[in-house]
Each structure stands twice: as structure tokens, then as C-alpha cells.
């Protein structure tokens, strides 16, 4: 055994490999059986590196029970102890109110993915307490030291003994770009411990945290004002089997002082966008809990209770009023506004938003002569039967009947529509045309919704995928009676009435609603957002 470079012990050896510096070599001599030959065996080789060079991090170990056994594996156990950089979290209790907080506040802190290695068998949870009423300033904040870099932590206020409720939280950390921070929905602060110099490529640098002595600071603000909770639920009604739900909706919390105060949006999540997003949970329920809402506009006098409501927003973040439409398919209605009673509530106030599948369509009529000039004064009506016995009406009983304006246009909107599987048929009939022009002989069949397919011409363009539209544009071209040829028609088809008119149909996907034109007198209510 060559022991020239041996170490006396493997304990407290630094580095990531075990090395005792010994090498087993052939030694000449004799034993009871004679001379030791060891033919071809001169010494044990070192372990090899990837580049074939010797790695002298080798351990020579023999089983004293059976040193010559070559089939039974030898078991070695080595325990490596790593040192990691650690950081600190500071938790503080604050208030925006003029009243002083003097209670006891308990926080639950949960640690996971310890040191970024997930060494724990289960999340580590501990409770900490701030006492602002005992006169001892050392209890005015919580400081948690020795948190390994890479550890994920969650901080939640568990309870208070002074009746105050959590209003918001501010969060500062060395990992602000990646930390989730404070969620007003879960009332939880979440972050990852980052100590400068521990991340790859990261150098030692001054802390960017608000507290120079900690890597993260969470400031929880409580209020002694009376508060309420509101649970809003979204309901979907009359949904056909082939209807598709949106992935999420946006709602806005609003409040006002007692009538005649104006509704004001509430930035509940503190993100500056004045809305929250609701998506279905695992059970398909669309719910959201608004917690810790102020009851009174004049606290602590408490003589002016707020009114609350929750409204749905369209794609442009505009309020959808009751009776208007979401995505042109769902009629939106709301439950009554919430008038806060001023009494303490054991359960949240309930609020409901109902979206009823009740799609409505639009038919735009453009009346022109053969030269492309607009024709004013042409009267049209939309019927539910081909023979023209019954004029169609909207949900309020207004008949779809009107006259083209100076621009030759007439728009019928809010037309009750069917579904993809069962589109609702209507018949567009010309009742009166401009003087000297031929009246459209046959009615035009209109189906809402209109289904188109890849390659179809929709709104003058070839579409690249299948789809549906609830908005149709019909261009009706009339020639003067004496100008019509004896046979054939110039222009493009399809021909709606041989010898008197040409009809061009184009599906204008949700576009017709923005075009200015004269609407039928019975259809001037324009309810849907654009």
C-alpha cells in the first residue's frame, strides 16, 4: 500500500469528491504458500477522467471479513454537507386608517422547495405573531432568518383579535420580476428567496429590497373600518349543445354612495386595470369572492352605507349594461344592486350575473342602380314566412320594416337568431322601390346564423377557415324598367328575380354594426357593444 499522499481521515474533507490519497501497489515477499507472484498485477490504477487522465480522487477499501471476494459488492456510505447562502423575510403590520392598531396578528408562513432542491417530505408550515398592544416594540414585526436561497415561501394573515380585517399588502423583494407577490383573491404573499450571488451569472450586488437588512419585506395593511364580502356567480342559461363558452370573462366591481351617487369602479386587485377575471373552476362553477369591502363611505361616522354592483365588461373593457350582449351571443342581466345594511354579516352578500344564450343578428341592405348609385326610398320588410303573411319582430315586438336612406342603406338589427344546427330562416321582401325602378319580384331567404366554409367569399374576401356570422349584407341592384334587356342580365349573381334584379350576398362578420345608415324606425335601439 502506497500511503505517501494519504490523509488521516475523510471527515470534514472539503470539495465534492472523496479522496484519501492512498494507492494499493504490488509488494514482493512470501507468505505461507511461498513467494507472492501477483503476475501482471503491479498496482491499482486511478479512476479515469473523461479525458483519460488519472483522477487521484480514489479510495482504497477492503472488506476485512472477506478481503479476496470479488463478487460481493462493497457498500460505502458518504454524507456530504453543503453550505448554502441564506436570506431573511420581514413581516410588518400597518394601517392606512387614522386609527391606531393595537391588536395581535397571527401569520402562517409555508416553506416549500427548500434550497431549490425540494428536500422536504412535506411543506413546512409555521405560525408567527405580531403584538402591537403590549408596548414592546421588539414585537412590532416578524423577522425570519436563515431561509436557504431558492426556497419558495407563502405568507398569509391567519387571524386578528381586534376586529380589523386585511385590506391590502405591499411586497418588496430581491426577486420582484419573478415573484408572484400579493394576491388580493387569496390574500397571500408568495415569493422565492433570492440571495445575490446564488443565481447563475449573478454577482454580488446591493439589495433592491425596501429593507436593506432583508431579502423580502411583506407589509400587511389592516383596517378597523366595517367591511363586507360579496360572492358573485356567473350563470349560463339556454345553452345549446353546440354552443361554446368563452374561456373567461371580465367583471368590474363598482360602488357608489347612496342615491344619487355615481357608480365608481373599484381597483380591487390593486393592479390599475379595475377589473378581475373569472374562469370556471374544476367543477365548472364561475365564481369570485370580493372580500374586505368597506361598508361605509364616511367611516367612522358610518352614516352613508355604500351600494355595490358587479358588471361585465366587453373586449374593449366597456360596461355591458343589463339587456345588452356579450360577444353578440349572450344576453347579460344582473341581480339587484347590493345596498349595504350597516349590520354585521355572517355570510357574504350574493350577486348573480346571468348570460342567456340568445343570439341576435343583423341584416344590412344596400340598394343601388345599375351604375352603382344609391337608391333612396326603397321599402323592405323581414318576414318569418315566404308568403309574406307575418312580419318578424324583435324581442320587444318591434317590426322589422323600414326604408332606405339617402345613402341607399337600411339596417335591421337585434334579429332573433337560431343555432348552428338549427339556423332561423327569414324572408327579405321589397315592398316599394324608387320611382321608375322595378320592384324585387321574389323574397330573399335569410338564415341566422350564416355558416360559411373555407374558400367562401365573405365580405368580399376569401375566408381561410370555417366559421359563422350573425351579420349579413345584401346588395340589391335594380335597373330602370325601360333599361332592362329582353333577355339575360348584366352583372353578377345569384339572380333573385329573373329579368328585374340582381342580389349580391356577403357575410360581413360582425362588421355591419358599425356602418352608419338609416335604421328601420322600429329598430333604432342599439343595444350591443362593439
Protein backbone atom coordinates (compact mmCIF):
# COMPACT_ATOMS: atom_id res chain seq x y z
CA UNK A 1 0.00 0.00 0.00
CA UNK A 2 1.46 3.33 -1.05
CA UNK A 3 0.48 5.83 1.61
CA UNK A 4 2.74 8.70 0.66
CA UNK A 5 -0.17 11.05 -0.01
CA UNK A 6 -2.70 9.62 2.42
CA UNK A 7 -4.98 11.66 4.67
CA UNK A 8 -5.71 10.56 8.17
CA UNK A 9 -9.50 10.91 7.94
CA UNK A 10 -12.27 11.50 5.39
CA UNK A 11 -14.22 13.60 7.86
CA UNK A 12 -14.58 17.30 7.07
CA UNK A 13 -12.90 16.94 3.71
CA UNK A 14 -13.94 19.87 1.50
CA UNK A 15 -15.00 19.54 -2.10
CA UNK A 16 -17.41 17.30 -3.95
CA UNK A 17 -15.35 14.10 -4.10
CA UNK A 18 -13.89 11.67 -1.55
CA UNK A 19 -10.11 11.22 -1.67
CA UNK A 20 -7.77 9.66 0.84
CA UNK A 21 -4.59 9.82 -1.24
CA UNK A 22 -3.78 6.10 -0.99
CA UNK A 23 -2.88 3.69 -3.77
CA UNK A 24 -2.58 -0.07 -3.50
CA UNK A 25 0.65 -1.40 -5.05
CA UNK A 26 2.33 -4.79 -5.53
CA UNK A 27 4.89 -5.63 -2.85
CA UNK A 28 7.30 -8.56 -3.23
CA UNK A 29 7.58 -11.13 -0.47
CA UNK A 30 6.41 -14.51 0.74
CA UNK A 31 3.51 -15.95 2.59
CA UNK A 32 2.82 -19.42 3.99
CA UNK A 33 2.32 -20.76 0.50
CA UNK A 34 5.56 -19.42 -0.83
CA UNK A 35 6.54 -16.41 -2.86
CA UNK A 36 3.80 -13.96 -3.85
CA UNK A 37 3.83 -13.82 -7.61
CA UNK A 38 0.99 -11.42 -8.50
CA UNK A 39 1.71 -11.97 -12.14
CA UNK A 40 0.57 -8.96 -14.23
CA UNK A 41 -0.65 -7.06 -11.22
CA UNK A 42 1.65 -4.30 -10.17
CA UNK A 43 -0.68 -1.65 -8.64
CA UNK A 44 -4.27 -0.41 -8.60
CA UNK A 45 -4.99 2.17 -11.25
CA UNK A 46 -6.52 5.53 -10.55
CA UNK A 47 -10.04 6.30 -11.68
CA UNK A 48 -10.07 8.00 -15.06
CA UNK A 49 -11.42 11.39 -16.03
CA UNK A 50 -13.35 11.89 -19.25
CA UNK A 51 -10.16 12.98 -20.97
CA UNK A 52 -8.49 9.68 -19.90
CA UNK A 53 -6.21 11.36 -17.40
CA UNK A 54 -5.85 9.96 -13.91
CA UNK A 55 -8.24 11.10 -11.23
CA UNK A 56 -6.49 10.62 -7.92
CA UNK A 57 -9.78 11.01 -6.01
CA UNK A 58 -9.64 7.31 -5.27
CA UNK A 59 -10.49 5.36 -2.15
CA UNK A 60 -8.79 2.08 -1.33
CA UNK A 61 -11.23 -0.04 0.65
CA UNK A 62 -11.02 -3.75 1.52
CA UNK A 63 -13.63 -5.86 3.24
CA UNK A 64 -11.88 -7.17 6.30
CA UNK A 65 -14.41 -10.02 6.59
CA UNK A 66 -13.61 -11.39 3.14
CA UNK A 67 -10.86 -9.31 1.52
CA UNK A 68 -10.36 -11.59 -1.51
CA UNK A 69 -14.04 -11.81 -2.51
CA UNK A 70 -14.60 -10.38 -5.98
CA UNK A 71 -18.36 -10.99 -6.34
CA UNK A 72 -19.95 -9.40 -3.28
CA UNK A 73 -20.23 -5.62 -3.67
CA UNK A 74 -18.73 -3.44 -1.00
CA UNK A 75 -21.12 -0.81 0.37
CA UNK A 76 -19.80 2.61 1.18
CA UNK A 77 -21.82 5.48 2.60
CA UNK A 78 -20.64 9.04 2.34
CA UNK A 79 -22.53 12.03 3.73
CA UNK A 80 -21.90 15.36 2.02
CA UNK A 81 -22.83 18.56 3.81
CA UNK A 82 -23.40 21.58 1.58
CA UNK A 83 -23.37 25.17 2.69
CA UNK A 84 -25.95 27.46 1.10
CA UNK A 85 -26.48 31.16 1.28
CA UNK A 86 -29.50 32.21 3.28
CA UNK A 87 -31.71 35.24 3.41
CA UNK A 88 -34.34 36.87 5.61
CA UNK A 89 -38.01 37.82 5.43
CA UNK A 90 -39.54 40.68 7.39
CA UNK A 91 -43.32 40.82 8.02
CA UNK A 92 -44.83 44.11 9.15
CA UNK A 93 -48.32 45.22 10.19
CA UNK A 94 -49.56 48.63 9.03
CA UNK A 95 -52.76 50.63 8.53
CA UNK A 96 -53.91 53.43 6.23
CA UNK A 97 -56.57 54.46 8.75
CA UNK A 98 -56.24 57.27 11.26
CA UNK A 99 -56.98 54.71 13.98
CA UNK A 100 -54.04 53.01 15.64
CA UNK A 101 -53.73 49.24 15.51
CA UNK A 102 -53.17 47.68 18.95
CA UNK A 103 -54.08 44.05 18.39
CA UNK A 104 -52.34 40.73 18.00
CA UNK A 105 -51.93 39.43 14.46
CA UNK A 106 -51.03 35.87 13.51
CA UNK A 107 -49.37 34.92 10.24
CA UNK A 108 -48.87 31.49 8.69
CA UNK A 109 -45.70 31.04 6.65
CA UNK A 110 -45.34 27.96 4.44
CA UNK A 111 -41.96 26.93 3.01
CA UNK A 112 -41.61 24.59 0.02
CA UNK A 113 -38.87 23.52 -2.40
CA UNK A 114 -36.26 24.12 0.30
CA UNK A 115 -32.98 25.45 -1.14
CA UNK A 116 -34.46 24.87 -4.59
CA UNK A 117 -33.90 21.13 -4.14
CA UNK A 118 -37.24 20.03 -2.67
CA UNK A 119 -35.53 18.26 0.24
CA UNK A 120 -38.59 18.39 2.49
CA UNK A 121 -41.04 15.49 2.66
CA UNK A 122 -43.97 17.88 3.10
CA UNK A 123 -44.45 21.67 3.15
CA UNK A 124 -43.02 23.25 6.29
CA UNK A 125 -45.62 25.48 7.99
CA UNK A 126 -45.06 27.77 10.96
CA UNK A 127 -47.15 30.45 12.70
CA UNK A 128 -45.70 33.80 13.76
CA UNK A 129 -47.26 36.61 15.81
CA UNK A 130 -47.06 40.41 15.85
CA UNK A 131 -48.32 42.11 19.04
CA UNK A 132 -48.84 45.86 18.72
CA UNK A 133 -50.59 46.31 22.02
CA UNK A 134 -48.05 45.11 24.59
CA UNK A 135 -45.78 48.17 24.46
CA UNK A 136 -42.78 46.06 23.42
CA UNK A 137 -41.51 47.44 20.10
CA UNK A 138 -39.48 44.27 19.51
CA UNK A 139 -42.79 42.53 18.76
CA UNK A 140 -43.85 45.09 16.14
CA UNK A 141 -42.56 42.99 13.26
CA UNK A 142 -41.57 39.43 12.44
CA UNK A 143 -38.10 38.61 11.17
CA UNK A 144 -37.37 35.14 9.82
CA UNK A 145 -33.67 34.49 9.19
CA UNK A 146 -31.75 31.57 7.71
CA UNK A 147 -34.02 30.82 4.77
CA UNK A 148 -31.98 28.91 2.14
CA UNK A 149 -31.71 30.56 -1.25
CA UNK A 150 -34.17 29.02 -3.72
CA UNK A 151 -36.84 28.33 -1.09
CA UNK A 152 -40.43 29.24 -2.03
CA UNK A 153 -42.49 30.88 0.72
CA UNK A 154 -46.14 31.86 1.17
CA UNK A 155 -47.32 34.31 3.84
CA UNK A 156 -50.96 34.53 4.91
CA UNK A 157 -52.56 36.51 7.73
CA UNK A 158 -54.30 33.89 9.82
CA UNK A 159 -56.25 36.00 12.28
CA UNK A 160 -56.58 39.12 14.42
CA UNK A 161 -58.03 39.83 17.85
CA UNK A 162 -59.09 43.47 17.35
CA UNK A 163 -61.78 43.04 14.70
CA UNK A 164 -59.63 44.54 11.96
CA UNK A 165 -59.54 42.94 8.51
CA UNK A 166 -56.83 42.73 5.90
CA UNK A 167 -57.22 45.44 3.30
CA UNK A 168 -54.12 45.03 1.14
CA UNK A 169 -50.44 44.13 1.25
CA UNK A 170 -47.29 45.67 -0.19
CA UNK A 171 -44.40 43.40 -1.09
CA UNK A 172 -40.75 44.13 -1.84
CA UNK A 173 -38.09 41.57 -2.66
CA UNK A 174 -34.83 40.92 -4.49
CA UNK A 175 -36.84 38.83 -6.96
CA UNK A 176 -39.61 41.28 -7.85
CA UNK A 177 -39.64 40.44 -11.56
CA UNK A 178 -40.41 36.76 -10.91
CA UNK A 179 -42.19 36.70 -7.54
CA UNK A 180 -45.96 36.35 -7.62
CA UNK A 181 -46.24 38.90 -4.83
CA UNK A 182 -49.57 39.65 -3.18
CA UNK A 183 -52.83 38.19 -4.47
CA UNK A 184 -55.94 40.03 -3.33
CA UNK A 185 -58.01 36.98 -4.27
CA UNK A 186 -56.16 34.54 -1.99
CA UNK A 187 -54.87 37.20 0.46
CA UNK A 188 -51.44 35.59 0.21
CA UNK A 189 -47.91 36.82 -0.49
CA UNK A 190 -45.74 34.39 -2.43
CA UNK A 191 -42.10 34.66 -3.37
CA UNK A 192 -38.81 32.84 -3.84
CA UNK A 193 -35.79 33.54 -1.66
CA UNK A 194 -33.06 35.04 -3.80
CA UNK A 195 -29.73 35.97 -2.23
CA UNK A 196 -27.45 37.91 -4.54
CA UNK A 197 -24.60 35.79 -5.82
CA UNK A 198 -26.52 32.50 -5.59
CA UNK A 199 -28.09 32.51 -9.04
CA UNK A 200 -26.08 31.51 -12.12
CA UNK A 201 -24.36 34.53 -13.63
CA UNK A 202 -25.45 36.73 -10.74
CA UNK A 203 -22.85 38.81 -8.99
CA UNK A 204 -22.88 40.25 -5.52
CA UNK A 205 -24.93 43.43 -5.72
CA UNK A 206 -26.72 45.85 -3.40
CA UNK A 207 -30.13 44.65 -2.23
CA UNK A 208 -33.02 46.18 -4.13
CA UNK A 209 -35.42 45.26 -1.34
CA UNK A 210 -37.02 48.11 0.60
CA UNK A 211 -35.41 46.83 3.81
CA UNK A 212 -31.63 46.80 3.41
CA UNK A 213 -31.31 44.08 6.06
CA UNK A 214 -33.65 41.56 4.43
CA UNK A 215 -34.18 39.95 1.05
CA UNK A 216 -38.01 40.33 1.25
CA UNK A 217 -40.44 42.55 3.15
CA UNK A 218 -44.21 41.96 3.32
CA UNK A 219 -46.33 44.77 4.72
CA UNK A 220 -49.89 43.78 5.58
CA UNK A 221 -52.37 46.65 5.91
CA UNK A 222 -55.40 46.16 8.15
CA UNK A 223 -58.40 48.38 8.59
CA UNK A 224 -60.74 48.84 11.52
CA UNK A 225 -63.47 50.01 9.17
CA UNK A 226 -66.56 47.82 8.91
CA UNK A 227 -66.35 45.58 5.87
CA UNK A 228 -68.44 43.12 3.89
CA UNK A 229 -67.79 40.25 1.49
CA UNK A 230 -69.58 39.69 -1.83
CA UNK A 231 -69.67 36.45 -3.79
CA UNK A 232 -70.52 36.88 -7.47
CA UNK A 233 -71.62 33.90 -9.55
CA UNK A 234 -71.93 33.73 -13.32
CA UNK A 235 -74.78 31.62 -14.72
CA UNK A 236 -75.21 30.44 -18.31
CA UNK A 237 -78.77 29.85 -19.47
CA UNK A 238 -80.38 28.20 -22.53
CA UNK A 239 -77.05 26.98 -23.83
CA UNK A 240 -77.43 24.72 -26.91
CA UNK A 241 -75.37 21.57 -27.18
CA UNK A 242 -73.08 23.08 -29.80
CA UNK A 243 -72.56 26.41 -28.04
CA UNK A 244 -69.01 27.30 -26.99
CA UNK A 245 -68.27 29.05 -23.71
CA UNK A 246 -65.61 31.77 -23.53
CA UNK A 247 -62.50 30.79 -21.60
CA UNK A 248 -63.02 33.65 -19.15
CA UNK A 249 -64.96 36.84 -18.55
CA UNK A 250 -64.02 40.21 -17.11
CA UNK A 251 -66.11 41.82 -14.39
CA UNK A 252 -65.78 45.15 -12.64
CA UNK A 253 -66.68 45.88 -9.04
CA UNK A 254 -68.43 49.25 -8.66
CA UNK A 255 -69.77 51.19 -5.71
CA UNK A 256 -71.48 54.48 -5.02
CA UNK A 257 -72.73 56.49 -2.11
CA UNK A 258 -76.48 56.40 -1.52
CA UNK A 259 -78.55 57.75 -4.42
CA UNK A 260 -77.96 59.83 -6.44
CA UNK A 261 -74.24 58.99 -6.28
CA UNK A 262 -72.48 57.90 -9.47
CA UNK A 263 -71.03 54.42 -9.85
CA UNK A 264 -67.26 54.32 -9.42
CA UNK A 265 -65.03 51.38 -10.33
CA UNK A 266 -63.00 49.74 -7.55
CA UNK A 267 -59.45 48.59 -8.30
CA UNK A 268 -59.90 45.50 -6.16
CA UNK A 269 -56.68 43.72 -7.13
CA UNK A 270 -54.61 46.89 -6.98
CA UNK A 271 -53.23 46.40 -10.49
CA UNK A 272 -54.67 49.54 -12.03
CA UNK A 273 -56.91 47.73 -14.53
CA UNK A 274 -60.15 48.00 -12.50
CA UNK A 275 -61.41 44.53 -13.34
CA UNK A 276 -60.97 40.91 -12.32
CA UNK A 277 -61.07 37.81 -14.49
CA UNK A 278 -63.40 34.91 -13.74
CA UNK A 279 -62.81 31.43 -15.14
CA UNK A 280 -64.62 28.17 -14.38
CA UNK A 281 -63.27 26.10 -11.51
CA UNK A 282 -62.73 22.34 -11.67
CA UNK A 283 -66.44 21.77 -11.06
CA UNK A 284 -67.48 24.19 -13.80
CA UNK A 285 -68.62 26.98 -11.43
CA UNK A 286 -67.94 30.59 -12.36
CA UNK A 287 -67.47 32.36 -9.02
CA UNK A 288 -65.36 35.08 -7.45
CA UNK A 289 -65.16 36.32 -3.86
CA UNK A 290 -64.70 40.03 -3.15
CA UNK A 291 -63.52 40.30 0.45
CA UNK A 292 -63.00 43.12 2.92
CA UNK A 293 -65.07 45.76 1.10
CA UNK A 294 -65.80 48.93 3.04
CA UNK A 295 -69.39 49.21 4.25
CA UNK A 296 -69.49 52.99 4.69
CA UNK A 297 -68.31 55.99 2.71
CA UNK A 298 -67.88 58.11 5.85
CA UNK A 299 -66.12 55.83 8.34
CA UNK A 300 -66.00 56.10 11.36
CA UNK A 301 -69.26 58.09 11.39
CA UNK A 302 -70.86 55.22 9.46
CA UNK A 303 -73.95 57.07 8.27
CA UNK A 304 -73.52 56.61 4.49
CA UNK A 305 -73.53 52.93 3.52
CA UNK A 306 -72.23 52.08 0.08
CA UNK A 307 -74.17 50.42 -2.70
CA UNK A 308 -72.29 47.77 -4.69
CA UNK A 309 -72.77 46.10 -8.04
CA UNK A 310 -70.65 43.92 -10.34
CA UNK A 311 -70.86 44.48 -14.10
CA UNK A 312 -69.48 42.52 -17.02
CA UNK A 313 -67.05 44.10 -19.50
CA UNK A 314 -66.72 43.57 -23.23
CA UNK A 315 -63.49 43.10 -25.19
CA UNK A 316 -62.85 46.85 -25.07
CA UNK A 317 -63.37 46.93 -21.28
CA UNK A 318 -66.64 48.81 -21.65
CA UNK A 319 -69.53 48.07 -19.30
CA UNK A 320 -72.23 45.80 -20.69
CA UNK A 321 -75.50 47.21 -19.40
CA UNK A 322 -78.34 44.92 -18.43
CA UNK A 323 -80.08 43.64 -21.57
CA UNK A 324 -77.05 44.18 -23.79
CA UNK A 325 -74.91 41.43 -25.27
CA UNK A 326 -71.59 39.70 -24.68
CA UNK A 327 -69.91 38.60 -27.94
CA UNK A 328 -73.23 39.14 -29.77
CA UNK A 329 -74.44 35.81 -28.40
CA UNK A 330 -75.22 36.15 -24.71
CA UNK A 331 -77.80 38.49 -23.29
CA UNK A 332 -76.49 39.85 -19.98
CA UNK A 333 -78.67 40.54 -16.96
CA UNK A 334 -77.79 41.31 -13.34
CA UNK A 335 -79.35 40.75 -9.95
CA UNK A 336 -80.34 43.79 -7.89
CA UNK A 337 -77.69 46.19 -6.64
CA UNK A 338 -76.44 45.45 -3.14
CA UNK A 339 -77.46 48.06 -0.59
CA UNK A 340 -75.31 47.57 2.49
CA UNK A 341 -77.46 47.39 5.61
CA UNK A 342 -74.78 48.54 8.03
CA UNK A 343 -75.25 45.44 10.12
CA UNK A 344 -72.56 42.82 10.58
CA UNK A 345 -72.92 39.99 8.08
CA UNK A 346 -72.18 36.37 8.95
CA UNK A 347 -72.26 35.32 5.29
CA UNK A 348 -71.21 37.12 2.10
CA UNK A 349 -73.72 39.06 0.04
CA UNK A 350 -74.71 37.11 -3.07
CA UNK A 351 -74.71 38.63 -6.54
CA UNK A 352 -75.52 36.95 -9.83
CA UNK A 353 -74.69 37.70 -13.45
CA UNK A 354 -76.75 35.73 -15.98
CA UNK A 355 -75.71 35.19 -19.57
CA UNK A 356 -78.56 33.81 -21.63
CA UNK A 357 -77.74 32.32 -24.99
CA UNK A 358 -79.99 34.45 -27.17
CA UNK A 359 -78.03 35.40 -30.28
CA UNK A 360 -79.35 38.19 -32.43
CA UNK A 361 -78.31 39.02 -35.95
CA UNK A 362 -78.07 41.97 -38.29
CA UNK A 363 -79.18 42.34 -41.88
CA UNK A 364 -77.85 45.29 -43.85
CA UNK A 365 -79.47 46.22 -47.15
CA UNK A 366 -77.64 48.31 -49.77
CA UNK A 367 -79.89 49.49 -52.62
CA UNK A 368 -78.21 50.63 -55.86
CA UNK A 369 -78.99 51.12 -59.51
CA UNK A 370 -77.01 49.62 -62.36
CA UNK A 371 -74.47 52.46 -62.26
CA UNK A 372 -73.73 51.94 -58.54
CA UNK A 373 -75.73 54.99 -57.40
CA UNK A 374 -77.57 54.75 -54.09
CA UNK A 375 -81.35 54.48 -54.25
CA UNK A 376 -83.32 56.25 -51.55
CA UNK A 377 -86.88 55.40 -50.56
CA UNK A 378 -86.91 51.65 -51.17
CA UNK A 379 -89.05 49.94 -48.52
CA UNK A 380 -88.23 46.47 -47.17
CA UNK A 381 -89.65 44.12 -44.55
CA UNK A 382 -88.38 40.92 -42.97
CA UNK A 383 -90.93 38.10 -42.77
CA UNK A 384 -90.97 34.81 -40.92
CA UNK A 385 -92.76 33.06 -43.81
CA UNK A 386 -92.04 33.01 -47.53
CA UNK A 387 -95.53 34.16 -48.48
CA UNK A 388 -95.14 37.39 -46.51
CA UNK A 389 -98.05 36.88 -44.15
CA UNK A 390 -96.27 37.80 -40.89
CA UNK A 391 -93.55 40.39 -40.36
CA UNK A 392 -90.80 39.33 -37.98
CA UNK A 393 -90.31 41.29 -34.75
CA UNK A 394 -87.57 41.74 -32.18
CA UNK A 395 -87.81 40.68 -28.52
CA UNK A 396 -89.76 43.85 -27.72
CA UNK A 397 -92.32 43.40 -30.50
CA UNK A 398 -90.91 45.96 -32.92
CA UNK A 399 -91.47 45.02 -36.58
CA UNK A 400 -88.55 44.74 -39.00
CA UNK A 401 -89.79 47.16 -41.63
CA UNK A 402 -88.12 50.30 -42.96
CA UNK A 403 -86.96 52.47 -45.86
CA UNK A 404 -83.50 53.07 -47.34
CA UNK A 405 -81.99 56.46 -46.59
CA UNK A 406 -80.10 58.88 -48.78
CA UNK A 407 -77.11 56.53 -48.77
CA UNK A 408 -79.31 53.71 -50.01
CA UNK A 409 -78.84 51.72 -46.81
CA UNK A 410 -81.20 50.14 -44.31
CA UNK A 411 -80.14 48.07 -41.28
CA UNK A 412 -82.24 45.64 -39.29
CA UNK A 413 -80.53 44.58 -36.08
CA UNK A 414 -81.43 42.67 -32.91
CA UNK A 415 -82.94 39.93 -35.09
CA UNK A 416 -83.56 36.73 -33.06
CA UNK A 417 -81.26 34.02 -34.41
CA UNK A 418 -81.06 30.26 -34.17
CA UNK A 419 -78.08 27.96 -33.67
CA UNK A 420 -75.51 26.35 -35.91
CA UNK A 421 -77.56 23.17 -36.06
CA UNK A 422 -80.89 24.99 -36.46
CA UNK A 423 -80.45 28.41 -38.06
CA UNK A 424 -83.56 30.57 -38.04
CA UNK A 425 -84.98 31.35 -41.51
CA UNK A 426 -86.36 34.76 -42.54
CA UNK A 427 -87.51 36.23 -45.86
CA UNK A 428 -86.50 39.70 -47.00
CA UNK A 429 -89.07 41.29 -49.27
CA UNK A 430 -89.02 44.59 -51.13
CA UNK A 431 -92.38 46.37 -50.68
CA UNK A 432 -91.65 49.59 -52.53
CA UNK A 433 -88.82 50.74 -54.75
CA UNK A 434 -87.64 54.09 -56.08
CA UNK A 435 -89.75 55.67 -58.80
CA UNK A 436 -89.01 54.28 -62.24
CA UNK A 437 -87.31 51.10 -61.00
CA UNK A 438 -88.51 47.52 -60.99
CA UNK A 439 -89.66 46.00 -57.70
CA UNK A 440 -87.85 42.87 -56.50
CA UNK A 441 -90.18 40.05 -57.50
CA UNK A 442 -89.20 37.22 -55.13
CA UNK A 443 -88.22 37.44 -51.43
CA UNK A 444 -84.65 36.57 -50.40
CA UNK A 445 -84.21 33.77 -47.88
CA UNK A 446 -82.05 34.81 -44.92
CA UNK A 447 -80.70 32.35 -42.34
CA UNK A 448 -79.26 33.41 -39.00
CA UNK A 449 -76.63 32.44 -38.17
CA UNK A 450 -74.98 32.09 -41.57
CA UNK A 451 -72.41 29.30 -41.78
CA UNK A 452 -69.52 29.69 -44.17
CA UNK A 453 -66.66 27.39 -45.12
CA UNK A 454 -63.04 27.70 -46.09
CA UNK A 455 -62.77 29.18 -49.55
CA UNK A 456 -66.11 31.02 -49.41
CA UNK A 457 -66.20 34.72 -50.22
CA UNK A 458 -67.22 36.57 -47.06
CA UNK A 459 -67.36 40.35 -47.01
CA UNK A 460 -65.56 40.45 -50.32
CA UNK A 461 -62.67 38.26 -49.16
CA UNK A 462 -61.95 34.57 -49.33
CA UNK A 463 -62.00 33.09 -45.83
CA UNK A 464 -59.27 30.67 -44.76
CA UNK A 465 -61.28 28.66 -42.23
CA UNK A 466 -64.81 27.58 -41.45
CA UNK A 467 -66.93 29.85 -39.31
CA UNK A 468 -70.24 31.53 -38.61
CA UNK A 469 -71.58 35.05 -38.68
CA UNK A 470 -74.71 36.71 -37.36
CA UNK A 471 -74.29 39.75 -39.66
CA UNK A 472 -75.20 39.69 -43.36
CA UNK A 473 -75.04 42.34 -46.05
CA UNK A 474 -77.32 42.19 -49.12
CA UNK A 475 -76.61 44.47 -52.07
CA UNK A 476 -79.71 44.71 -54.26
CA UNK A 477 -79.18 46.20 -57.70
CA UNK A 478 -82.21 47.47 -59.63
CA UNK A 479 -82.25 48.73 -63.20
CA UNK A 480 -84.87 51.09 -64.54
CA UNK A 481 -87.79 49.25 -66.13
CA UNK A 482 -87.18 50.54 -69.62
CA UNK A 483 -83.44 49.85 -69.46
CA UNK A 484 -83.76 46.10 -68.89
CA UNK A 485 -82.78 43.95 -71.90
CA UNK A 486 -85.26 41.46 -73.30
CA UNK A 487 -83.13 38.50 -72.30
CA UNK A 488 -80.28 37.97 -69.88
CA UNK A 489 -78.93 40.21 -67.15
CA UNK A 490 -75.70 42.06 -66.83
CA UNK A 491 -73.84 41.98 -63.51
CA UNK A 492 -73.17 39.20 -61.07
CA UNK A 493 -75.36 36.56 -59.45
CA UNK A 494 -77.11 34.87 -57.98
CA UNK A 495 -80.21 36.10 -59.79
CA UNK A 496 -83.04 36.63 -57.36
CA UNK A 497 -85.78 37.52 -59.81
CA UNK A 498 -85.16 36.89 -63.50
CA UNK A 499 -85.38 40.00 -65.58
CA UNK A 500 -85.72 42.56 -62.76
CA UNK A 501 -82.98 42.49 -60.10
CA UNK A 502 -79.59 41.15 -59.10
CA UNK A 503 -78.77 40.28 -55.49
CA UNK A 504 -75.24 40.09 -54.12
CA UNK A 505 -74.89 38.45 -50.68
CA UNK A 506 -71.85 38.90 -48.43
CA UNK A 507 -71.44 37.80 -44.83
CA UNK A 508 -69.80 40.69 -43.00
CA UNK A 509 -68.58 39.11 -39.81
CA UNK A 510 -69.75 41.48 -37.07
CA UNK A 511 -68.85 44.45 -39.25
CA UNK A 512 -72.22 45.76 -40.36
CA UNK A 513 -72.99 47.12 -36.90
CA UNK A 514 -70.52 49.95 -37.25
CA UNK A 515 -71.75 51.24 -40.59
CA UNK A 516 -73.80 54.39 -40.50
CA UNK A 517 -77.11 54.09 -42.24
CA UNK A 518 -80.79 54.64 -41.72
CA UNK A 519 -82.26 52.02 -39.42
CA UNK A 520 -85.87 50.96 -39.50
CA UNK A 521 -87.89 53.24 -37.26
CA UNK A 522 -88.86 50.29 -35.10
CA UNK A 523 -85.21 49.20 -34.68
CA UNK A 524 -83.36 52.29 -33.53
CA UNK A 525 -82.44 50.75 -30.17
CA UNK A 526 -78.82 49.68 -30.47
CA UNK A 527 -78.03 47.57 -27.51
CA UNK A 528 -74.93 45.52 -28.18
CA UNK A 529 -71.39 46.76 -27.61
CA UNK A 530 -68.94 46.94 -30.49
